[in-house]
Amino acid sequence: MSLRARTGLAVAMLVWTTAACSSQGSSDDRADAGSRTGTARSGDVLVSAAASLTDAFTEVEAAFEAAHPELDVVLNLGGSSLLRAQILEGAPVDVFASANAENMDRAAEAAQLSGEPYVFARNALQIAVPAGNPSGVHGLGDFADDARLIGLCADQVPCGAMARRVLERAGVVAALDTNEPDVRVLLTKIELGELDAGITYVTDVASTRGAVEGIDIPEDVNVTAEYLIAVVAGAPNPQMAESFVRFVLSAEGRTILARFGFAPP
């Protein structure tokens, strides 16, 4: 099976894609056929996952497909609030992995989950600056400086809501220049030097391998993100959706997550 991670909607519902989600990676002929017909192959497992899980879930995808060569995992990566909205609007999804409890709770309240969600990982926030820290950012207090270009995730996205909670705890009113739809869009703008600083997850900073530098947030004001995963009600492939969730919760799945900096539940 081909290894690919996609933003936007899964193969079966490309019409749901919004400007906030862009495609990543390549698709094989079978996936292309699914796009043209508007249906997913019977062997697809459609996984909507928070953007901060991009690297870890790409490796989870490869490991799960290696164990189940008849299957093809299709990753739909984006802000958890957008993914939840897509599910509530009827997009075909087998598995939902959210970066916070709120979006998972709202899916549950709308009877869009099959069974209970599971906490499978934790993450923390970190100030992110371009390599070399050209603007000389030292801490959260610098986010109040109008002379700096400051970005956060949008407030409805988990990384944005938590970043605002951190700033509130620190007593800082950010001189905000931009709100981004998910953490990977924010991270890219920081990496390119379009922003002087932002607040992302520790794992996202690490994923850039030095292209973005991290500045620790004091523990007394930092917050912890809890990631939850669940099978979606009406999943096109419920049996293998359950298998994918079990794999993420397994020792192998947690080893992969730990390799990308996620803390255990």
C-alpha atoms as a PDB file:
ATOM      1  CA  MET A   1       0.000   0.000   0.000  1.00  0.00           C
ATOM      2  CA  SER A   2       1.173   3.561  -0.644  1.00  0.00           C
ATOM      3  CA  LEU A   3       2.171   5.715   2.315  1.00  0.00           C
ATOM      4  CA  ARG A   4       0.342   9.000   2.269  1.00  0.00           C
ATOM      5  CA  ALA A   5      -1.084  11.582   4.619  1.00  0.00           C
ATOM      6  CA  ARG A   6      -3.722  13.926   3.376  1.00  0.00           C
ATOM      7  CA  THR A   7      -5.175  17.191   4.610  1.00  0.00           C
ATOM      8  CA  GLY A   8      -8.654  18.070   3.458  1.00  0.00           C
ATOM      9  CA  LEU A   9     -11.314  15.410   3.310  1.00  0.00           C
ATOM     10  CA  ALA A  10     -10.886  11.712   2.768  1.00  0.00           C
ATOM     11  CA  VAL A  11     -11.170  10.262  -0.717  1.00  0.00           C
ATOM     12  CA  ALA A  12     -14.890   9.627  -0.511  1.00  0.00           C
ATOM     13  CA  MET A  13     -15.904  13.238   0.100  1.00  0.00           C
ATOM     14  CA  LEU A  14     -13.495  15.606  -1.628  1.00  0.00           C
ATOM     15  CA  VAL A  15     -16.403  18.000  -2.092  1.00  0.00           C
ATOM     16  CA  TRP A  16     -16.230  18.728   1.629  1.00  0.00           C
ATOM     17  CA  THR A  17     -12.685  20.130   1.374  1.00  0.00           C
ATOM     18  CA  THR A  18     -12.342  23.751   2.523  1.00  0.00           C
ATOM     19  CA  ALA A  19      -9.636  26.287   1.885  1.00  0.00           C
ATOM     20  CA  ALA A  20      -8.352  25.623   5.393  1.00  0.00           C
ATOM     21  CA  CYS A  21      -7.211  22.145   4.403  1.00  0.00           C
ATOM     22  CA  SER A  22      -4.728  21.418   1.633  1.00  0.00           C
ATOM     23  CA  SER A  23      -3.677  18.080   0.177  1.00  0.00           C
ATOM     24  CA  GLN A  24      -0.411  16.378   1.156  1.00  0.00           C
ATOM     25  CA  GLY A  25       1.355  13.428  -0.360  1.00  0.00           C
ATOM     26  CA  SER A  26       0.499  11.288  -3.357  1.00  0.00           C
ATOM     27  CA  SER A  27      -2.393   8.923  -4.026  1.00  0.00           C
ATOM     28  CA  ASP A  28      -2.396   5.590  -5.795  1.00  0.00           C
ATOM     29  CA  ASP A  29      -4.617   4.577  -8.708  1.00  0.00           C
ATOM     30  CA  ARG A  30      -7.214   2.963  -6.476  1.00  0.00           C
ATOM     31  CA  ALA A  31      -7.603   6.092  -4.366  1.00  0.00           C
ATOM     32  CA  ASP A  32      -7.912   8.191  -7.534  1.00  0.00           C
ATOM     33  CA  ALA A  33     -10.668   5.883  -8.719  1.00  0.00           C
ATOM     34  CA  GLY A  34     -12.457   6.364  -5.413  1.00  0.00           C
ATOM     35  CA  SER A  35     -12.267  10.143  -5.825  1.00  0.00           C
ATOM     36  CA  ARG A  36     -13.769   9.987  -9.302  1.00  0.00           C
ATOM     37  CA  THR A  37     -16.686   7.784  -8.286  1.00  0.00           C
ATOM     38  CA  GLY A  38     -17.338   9.522  -4.948  1.00  0.00           C
ATOM     39  CA  THR A  39     -17.010   6.268  -3.021  1.00  0.00           C
ATOM     40  CA  ALA A  40     -14.271   4.799  -0.851  1.00  0.00           C
ATOM     41  CA  ARG A  41     -12.887   1.356  -1.566  1.00  0.00           C
ATOM     42  CA  SER A  42     -14.089  -1.390   0.764  1.00  0.00           C
ATOM     43  CA  GLY A  43     -10.515  -1.718   2.019  1.00  0.00           C
ATOM     44  CA  ASP A  44     -10.134   1.941   3.011  1.00  0.00           C
ATOM     45  CA  VAL A  45      -9.970   3.036   6.634  1.00  0.00           C
ATOM     46  CA  LEU A  46     -10.830   6.741   6.721  1.00  0.00           C
ATOM     47  CA  VAL A  47      -9.104   8.462   9.649  1.00  0.00           C
ATOM     48  CA  SER A  48      -9.735  12.122  10.526  1.00  0.00           C
ATOM     49  CA  ALA A  49      -6.918  13.220  12.839  1.00  0.00           C
ATOM     50  CA  ALA A  50      -5.688  16.449  14.413  1.00  0.00           C
ATOM     51  CA  ALA A  51      -3.003  18.213  12.359  1.00  0.00           C
ATOM     52  CA  SER A  52      -0.502  17.892  15.220  1.00  0.00           C
ATOM     53  CA  LEU A  53      -0.636  14.112  14.716  1.00  0.00           C
ATOM     54  CA  THR A  54       0.579  14.383  11.096  1.00  0.00           C
ATOM     55  CA  ASP A  55       4.020  12.816  11.485  1.00  0.00           C
ATOM     56  CA  ALA A  56       3.102  10.250  14.129  1.00  0.00           C
ATOM     57  CA  PHE A  57      -0.026   9.062  12.331  1.00  0.00           C
ATOM     58  CA  THR A  58       1.825   8.840   9.018  1.00  0.00           C
ATOM     59  CA  GLU A  59       4.052   6.252  10.686  1.00  0.00           C
ATOM     60  CA  VAL A  60       1.046   4.625  12.392  1.00  0.00           C
ATOM     61  CA  GLU A  61      -0.527   4.392   8.941  1.00  0.00           C
ATOM     62  CA  ALA A  62       2.522   2.610   7.524  1.00  0.00           C
ATOM     63  CA  ALA A  63       2.741   0.162  10.437  1.00  0.00           C
ATOM     64  CA  PHE A  64      -0.986  -0.631  10.378  1.00  0.00           C
ATOM     65  CA  GLU A  65      -0.944  -1.188   6.607  1.00  0.00           C
ATOM     66  CA  ALA A  66       2.083  -3.450   6.962  1.00  0.00           C
ATOM     67  CA  ALA A  67       0.090  -5.589   9.395  1.00  0.00           C
ATOM     68  CA  HIS A  68      -3.012  -5.452   7.155  1.00  0.00           C
ATOM     69  CA  PRO A  69      -1.769  -5.382   3.539  1.00  0.00           C
ATOM     70  CA  GLU A  70      -5.318  -5.663   2.196  1.00  0.00           C
ATOM     71  CA  LEU A  71      -6.166  -2.249   3.703  1.00  0.00           C
ATOM     72  CA  ASP A  72      -5.394   1.335   2.801  1.00  0.00           C
ATOM     73  CA  VAL A  73      -5.470   3.968   5.542  1.00  0.00           C
ATOM     74  CA  VAL A  74      -6.538   7.401   4.275  1.00  0.00           C
ATOM     75  CA  LEU A  75      -5.560  10.235   6.614  1.00  0.00           C
ATOM     76  CA  ASN A  76      -7.625  13.427   6.709  1.00  0.00           C
ATOM     77  CA  LEU A  77      -5.542  15.886   8.748  1.00  0.00           C
ATOM     78  CA  GLY A  78      -6.705  19.270  10.015  1.00  0.00           C
ATOM     79  CA  GLY A  79      -7.922  21.293  12.948  1.00  0.00           C
ATOM     80  CA  SER A  80      -9.975  19.157  15.349  1.00  0.00           C
ATOM     81  CA  SER A  81     -12.911  21.578  15.243  1.00  0.00           C
ATOM     82  CA  LEU A  82     -13.044  21.425  11.442  1.00  0.00           C
ATOM     83  CA  LEU A  83     -12.845  17.625  11.470  1.00  0.00           C
ATOM     84  CA  ARG A  84     -15.643  17.457  14.037  1.00  0.00           C
ATOM     85  CA  ALA A  85     -17.788  19.771  11.905  1.00  0.00           C
ATOM     86  CA  GLN A  86     -17.200  17.564   8.860  1.00  0.00           C
ATOM     87  CA  ILE A  87     -18.341  14.508  10.819  1.00  0.00           C
ATOM     88  CA  LEU A  88     -21.467  16.277  12.063  1.00  0.00           C
ATOM     89  CA  GLU A  89     -22.247  17.333   8.499  1.00  0.00           C
ATOM     90  CA  GLY A  90     -22.175  13.719   7.319  1.00  0.00           C
ATOM     91  CA  ALA A  91     -18.692  13.214   5.900  1.00  0.00           C
ATOM     92  CA  PRO A  92     -17.782   9.498   5.742  1.00  0.00           C
ATOM     93  CA  VAL A  93     -15.243   8.873   8.513  1.00  0.00           C
ATOM     94  CA  ASP A  94     -14.218   5.657  10.259  1.00  0.00           C
ATOM     95  CA  VAL A  95     -12.025   7.043  13.064  1.00  0.00           C
ATOM     96  CA  PHE A  96     -11.807  10.469  14.722  1.00  0.00           C
ATOM     97  CA  ALA A  97      -8.671  11.467  16.647  1.00  0.00           C
ATOM     98  CA  SER A  98      -9.043  14.839  18.369  1.00  0.00           C
ATOM     99  CA  ALA A  99      -6.457  17.026  20.108  1.00  0.00           C
ATOM    100  CA  ASN A 100      -8.909  17.882  22.877  1.00  0.00           C
ATOM    101  CA  ALA A 101     -11.926  16.527  24.739  1.00  0.00           C
ATOM    102  CA  GLU A 102     -14.289  19.334  23.749  1.00  0.00           C
ATOM    103  CA  ASN A 103     -14.528  18.396  20.079  1.00  0.00           C
ATOM    104  CA  MET A 104     -14.861  14.715  20.922  1.00  0.00           C
ATOM    105  CA  ASP A 105     -17.588  15.534  23.480  1.00  0.00           C
ATOM    106  CA  ARG A 106     -19.512  17.539  20.900  1.00  0.00           C
ATOM    107  CA  ALA A 107     -19.340  14.632  18.469  1.00  0.00           C
ATOM    108  CA  ALA A 108     -20.604  12.315  21.220  1.00  0.00           C
ATOM    109  CA  GLU A 109     -23.448  14.691  22.112  1.00  0.00           C
ATOM    110  CA  ALA A 110     -24.535  14.608  18.464  1.00  0.00           C
ATOM    111  CA  ALA A 111     -24.594  10.773  18.592  1.00  0.00           C
ATOM    112  CA  GLN A 112     -21.744  10.617  16.071  1.00  0.00           C
ATOM    113  CA  LEU A 113     -19.528   8.190  17.994  1.00  0.00           C
ATOM    114  CA  SER A 114     -19.705   4.423  18.220  1.00  0.00           C
ATOM    115  CA  GLY A 115     -18.726   3.565  21.796  1.00  0.00           C
ATOM    116  CA  GLU A 116     -16.531   5.474  24.209  1.00  0.00           C
ATOM    117  CA  PRO A 117     -13.524   7.555  23.141  1.00  0.00           C
ATOM    118  CA  TYR A 118     -10.103   6.703  24.571  1.00  0.00           C
ATOM    119  CA  VAL A 119      -7.327   9.050  25.682  1.00  0.00           C
ATOM    120  CA  PHE A 120      -4.245   7.812  23.818  1.00  0.00           C
ATOM    121  CA  ALA A 121      -1.622  10.563  24.187  1.00  0.00           C
ATOM    122  CA  ARG A 122      -0.755  13.865  25.821  1.00  0.00           C
ATOM    123  CA  ASN A 123       1.129  16.918  24.596  1.00  0.00           C
ATOM    124  CA  ALA A 124       2.320  20.272  25.937  1.00  0.00           C
ATOM    125  CA  LEU A 125       2.634  23.740  24.432  1.00  0.00           C
ATOM    126  CA  GLN A 126       5.819  25.590  23.559  1.00  0.00           C
ATOM    127  CA  ILE A 127       6.711  28.988  22.126  1.00  0.00           C
ATOM    128  CA  ALA A 128       7.910  28.511  18.549  1.00  0.00           C
ATOM    129  CA  VAL A 129      10.277  30.916  16.772  1.00  0.00           C
ATOM    130  CA  PRO A 130      12.193  30.761  13.458  1.00  0.00           C
ATOM    131  CA  ALA A 131      15.655  29.201  13.525  1.00  0.00           C
ATOM    132  CA  GLY A 132      18.094  31.618  15.129  1.00  0.00           C
ATOM    133  CA  ASN A 133      15.252  33.509  16.838  1.00  0.00           C
ATOM    134  CA  PRO A 134      15.920  36.662  14.752  1.00  0.00           C
ATOM    135  CA  SER A 135      13.398  38.744  16.708  1.00  0.00           C
ATOM    136  CA  GLY A 136      14.976  37.872  20.051  1.00  0.00           C
ATOM    137  CA  VAL A 137      11.854  36.435  21.666  1.00  0.00           C
ATOM    138  CA  HIS A 138      12.522  35.309  25.240  1.00  0.00           C
ATOM    139  CA  GLY A 139       9.127  34.431  26.679  1.00  0.00           C
ATOM    140  CA  LEU A 140       5.387  34.976  26.755  1.00  0.00           C
ATOM    141  CA  GLY A 141       5.778  38.653  27.667  1.00  0.00           C
ATOM    142  CA  ASP A 142       7.138  39.324  24.175  1.00  0.00           C
ATOM    143  CA  PHE A 143       3.767  38.357  22.719  1.00  0.00           C
ATOM    144  CA  ALA A 144       2.439  41.748  23.887  1.00  0.00           C
ATOM    145  CA  ASP A 145       4.977  43.631  21.755  1.00  0.00           C
ATOM    146  CA  ASP A 146       3.282  45.354  18.788  1.00  0.00           C
ATOM    147  CA  ALA A 147       6.612  45.463  16.964  1.00  0.00           C
ATOM    148  CA  ARG A 148       6.687  41.664  16.646  1.00  0.00           C
ATOM    149  CA  LEU A 149       4.657  39.519  14.269  1.00  0.00           C
ATOM    150  CA  ILE A 150       2.709  37.115  16.468  1.00  0.00           C
ATOM    151  CA  GLY A 151       0.502  34.209  15.384  1.00  0.00           C
ATOM    152  CA  LEU A 152      -1.737  31.707  17.119  1.00  0.00           C
ATOM    153  CA  CYS A 153      -4.066  28.997  15.970  1.00  0.00           C
ATOM    154  CA  ALA A 154      -7.681  30.157  15.702  1.00  0.00           C
ATOM    155  CA  ASP A 155      -9.479  30.130  19.032  1.00  0.00           C
ATOM    156  CA  GLN A 156     -11.862  27.321  18.006  1.00  0.00           C
ATOM    157  CA  VAL A 157      -8.888  25.011  17.320  1.00  0.00           C
ATOM    158  CA  PRO A 158      -7.429  23.190  20.369  1.00  0.00           C
ATOM    159  CA  CYS A 159      -3.941  24.675  19.989  1.00  0.00           C
ATOM    160  CA  GLY A 160      -5.485  28.144  19.765  1.00  0.00           C
ATOM    161  CA  ALA A 161      -7.816  27.730  22.721  1.00  0.00           C
ATOM    162  CA  MET A 162      -5.018  26.353  24.885  1.00  0.00           C
ATOM    163  CA  ALA A 163      -2.547  29.040  23.792  1.00  0.00           C
ATOM    164  CA  ARG A 164      -5.016  31.712  24.867  1.00  0.00           C
ATOM    165  CA  ARG A 165      -5.444  29.964  28.204  1.00  0.00           C
ATOM    166  CA  VAL A 166      -1.655  30.005  28.675  1.00  0.00           C
ATOM    167  CA  LEU A 167      -1.451  33.719  27.856  1.00  0.00           C
ATOM    168  CA  GLU A 168      -4.344  34.476  30.199  1.00  0.00           C
ATOM    169  CA  ARG A 169      -2.643  32.577  33.022  1.00  0.00           C
ATOM    170  CA  ALA A 170       0.534  34.544  32.340  1.00  0.00           C
ATOM    171  CA  GLY A 171      -1.364  37.841  32.341  1.00  0.00           C
ATOM    172  CA  VAL A 172      -0.330  38.619  28.751  1.00  0.00           C
ATOM    173  CA  VAL A 173      -2.554  40.274  26.140  1.00  0.00           C
ATOM    174  CA  ALA A 174      -1.088  39.218  22.810  1.00  0.00           C
ATOM    175  CA  ALA A 175      -0.559  41.755  20.016  1.00  0.00           C
ATOM    176  CA  LEU A 176      -1.931  39.192  17.602  1.00  0.00           C
ATOM    177  CA  ASP A 177      -1.327  39.511  13.855  1.00  0.00           C
ATOM    178  CA  THR A 178      -2.852  36.295  12.549  1.00  0.00           C
ATOM    179  CA  ASN A 179      -5.086  33.339  13.454  1.00  0.00           C
ATOM    180  CA  GLU A 180      -4.319  30.120  11.596  1.00  0.00           C
ATOM    181  CA  PRO A 181      -6.708  27.197  10.885  1.00  0.00           C
ATOM    182  CA  ASP A 182      -4.438  24.531  12.370  1.00  0.00           C
ATOM    183  CA  VAL A 183      -1.081  24.119  14.066  1.00  0.00           C
ATOM    184  CA  ARG A 184       0.785  22.974  10.947  1.00  0.00           C
ATOM    185  CA  VAL A 185      -0.198  26.104   9.009  1.00  0.00           C
ATOM    186  CA  LEU A 186       1.007  28.223  11.934  1.00  0.00           C
ATOM    187  CA  LEU A 187       4.231  26.219  12.173  1.00  0.00           C
ATOM    188  CA  THR A 188       4.949  26.684   8.464  1.00  0.00           C
ATOM    189  CA  LYS A 189       4.601  30.473   8.707  1.00  0.00           C
ATOM    190  CA  ILE A 190       7.013  30.516  11.644  1.00  0.00           C
ATOM    191  CA  GLU A 191       9.482  28.289   9.796  1.00  0.00           C
ATOM    192  CA  LEU A 192       9.370  30.599   6.758  1.00  0.00           C
ATOM    193  CA  GLY A 193      10.034  33.630   8.946  1.00  0.00           C
ATOM    194  CA  GLU A 194       6.649  35.180   8.188  1.00  0.00           C
ATOM    195  CA  LEU A 195       6.024  35.318  11.942  1.00  0.00           C
ATOM    196  CA  ASP A 196       8.378  36.136  14.803  1.00  0.00           C
ATOM    197  CA  ALA A 197       6.677  33.786  17.254  1.00  0.00           C
ATOM    198  CA  GLY A 198       3.686  31.590  17.898  1.00  0.00           C
ATOM    199  CA  ILE A 199       2.523  28.921  20.321  1.00  0.00           C
ATOM    200  CA  THR A 200       2.447  25.343  19.055  1.00  0.00           C
ATOM    201  CA  TYR A 201       2.820  21.888  20.535  1.00  0.00           C
ATOM    202  CA  VAL A 202       6.207  20.609  21.693  1.00  0.00           C
ATOM    203  CA  THR A 203       5.903  17.790  19.144  1.00  0.00           C
ATOM    204  CA  ASP A 204       5.401  20.209  16.256  1.00  0.00           C
ATOM    205  CA  VAL A 205       8.547  22.169  17.090  1.00  0.00           C
ATOM    206  CA  ALA A 206      10.489  18.888  17.256  1.00  0.00           C
ATOM    207  CA  SER A 207       9.102  17.803  13.874  1.00  0.00           C
ATOM    208  CA  THR A 208      10.939  20.637  12.080  1.00  0.00           C
ATOM    209  CA  ARG A 209      14.369  19.274  13.129  1.00  0.00           C
ATOM    210  CA  GLY A 210      15.784  22.683  13.921  1.00  0.00           C
ATOM    211  CA  ALA A 211      13.972  24.784  11.324  1.00  0.00           C
ATOM    212  CA  VAL A 212      11.860  26.106  14.198  1.00  0.00           C
ATOM    213  CA  GLU A 213      13.214  26.591  17.723  1.00  0.00           C
ATOM    214  CA  GLY A 214      11.237  26.059  20.904  1.00  0.00           C
ATOM    215  CA  ILE A 215      11.171  28.199  24.033  1.00  0.00           C
ATOM    216  CA  ASP A 216       9.724  26.469  27.081  1.00  0.00           C
ATOM    217  CA  ILE A 217       6.597  27.840  28.728  1.00  0.00           C
ATOM    218  CA  PRO A 218       6.721  27.898  32.561  1.00  0.00           C
ATOM    219  CA  GLU A 219       4.986  24.848  34.008  1.00  0.00           C
ATOM    220  CA  ASP A 220       2.744  26.923  36.261  1.00  0.00           C
ATOM    221  CA  VAL A 221       1.010  28.511  33.240  1.00  0.00           C
ATOM    222  CA  ASN A 222       1.360  25.747  30.638  1.00  0.00           C
ATOM    223  CA  VAL A 223      -1.498  23.377  29.811  1.00  0.00           C
ATOM    224  CA  THR A 224      -1.590  19.743  28.693  1.00  0.00           C
ATOM    225  CA  ALA A 225      -3.475  18.562  25.646  1.00  0.00           C
ATOM    226  CA  GLU A 226      -5.237  15.200  25.886  1.00  0.00           C
ATOM    227  CA  TYR A 227      -5.734  13.365  22.597  1.00  0.00           C
ATOM    228  CA  LEU A 228      -8.782  11.130  22.233  1.00  0.00           C
ATOM    229  CA  ILE A 229      -9.693   8.572  19.587  1.00  0.00           C
ATOM    230  CA  ALA A 230     -12.999   6.892  18.745  1.00  0.00           C
ATOM    231  CA  VAL A 231     -14.825   4.982  16.031  1.00  0.00           C
ATOM    232  CA  VAL A 232     -17.398   7.178  14.294  1.00  0.00           C
ATOM    233  CA  ALA A 233     -21.056   6.128  14.212  1.00  0.00           C
ATOM    234  CA  GLY A 234     -21.980   4.815  10.787  1.00  0.00           C
ATOM    235  CA  ALA A 235     -18.326   4.201   9.923  1.00  0.00           C
ATOM    236  CA  PRO A 236     -17.995   2.782   6.378  1.00  0.00           C
ATOM    237  CA  ASN A 237     -15.530   0.165   7.663  1.00  0.00           C
ATOM    238  CA  PRO A 238     -16.406  -0.330  11.365  1.00  0.00           C
ATOM    239  CA  GLN A 239     -14.540  -3.590  11.950  1.00  0.00           C
ATOM    240  CA  MET A 240     -11.217  -2.269  10.714  1.00  0.00           C
ATOM    241  CA  ALA A 241     -11.908   1.084  12.361  1.00  0.00           C
ATOM    242  CA  GLU A 242     -11.974  -0.786  15.672  1.00  0.00           C
ATOM    243  CA  SER A 243      -8.729  -2.512  14.707  1.00  0.00           C
ATOM    244  CA  PHE A 244      -7.074   0.822  13.923  1.00  0.00           C
ATOM    245  CA  VAL A 245      -8.119   2.254  17.310  1.00  0.00           C
ATOM    246  CA  ARG A 246      -6.770  -0.844  19.076  1.00  0.00           C
ATOM    247  CA  PHE A 247      -3.494  -0.467  17.189  1.00  0.00           C
ATOM    248  CA  VAL A 248      -3.104   3.167  18.283  1.00  0.00           C
ATOM    249  CA  LEU A 249      -3.740   2.084  21.890  1.00  0.00           C
ATOM    250  CA  SER A 250      -1.352  -0.876  21.658  1.00  0.00           C
ATOM    251  CA  ALA A 251       2.245  -0.966  22.834  1.00  0.00           C
ATOM    252  CA  GLU A 252       3.421  -0.603  19.233  1.00  0.00           C
ATOM    253  CA  GLY A 253       1.169   2.381  18.638  1.00  0.00           C
ATOM    254  CA  ARG A 254       2.310   4.097  21.824  1.00  0.00           C
ATOM    255  CA  THR A 255       5.939   3.437  20.943  1.00  0.00           C
ATOM    256  CA  ILE A 256       5.422   5.270  17.655  1.00  0.00           C
ATOM    257  CA  LEU A 257       3.707   8.174  19.413  1.00  0.00           C
ATOM    258  CA  ALA A 258       6.508   8.392  21.977  1.00  0.00           C
ATOM    259  CA  ARG A 259       9.083   8.517  19.183  1.00  0.00           C
ATOM    260  CA  PHE A 260       7.438  11.735  18.010  1.00  0.00           C
ATOM    261  CA  GLY A 261       7.398  13.275  21.473  1.00  0.00           C
ATOM    262  CA  PHE A 262       3.877  12.443  22.662  1.00  0.00           C
ATOM    263  CA  ALA A 263       3.519  11.573  26.326  1.00  0.00           C
ATOM    264  CA  PRO A 264       1.505   8.488  27.339  1.00  0.00           C
ATOM    265  CA  PRO A 265      -2.094   8.895  28.560  1.00  0.00           C
END
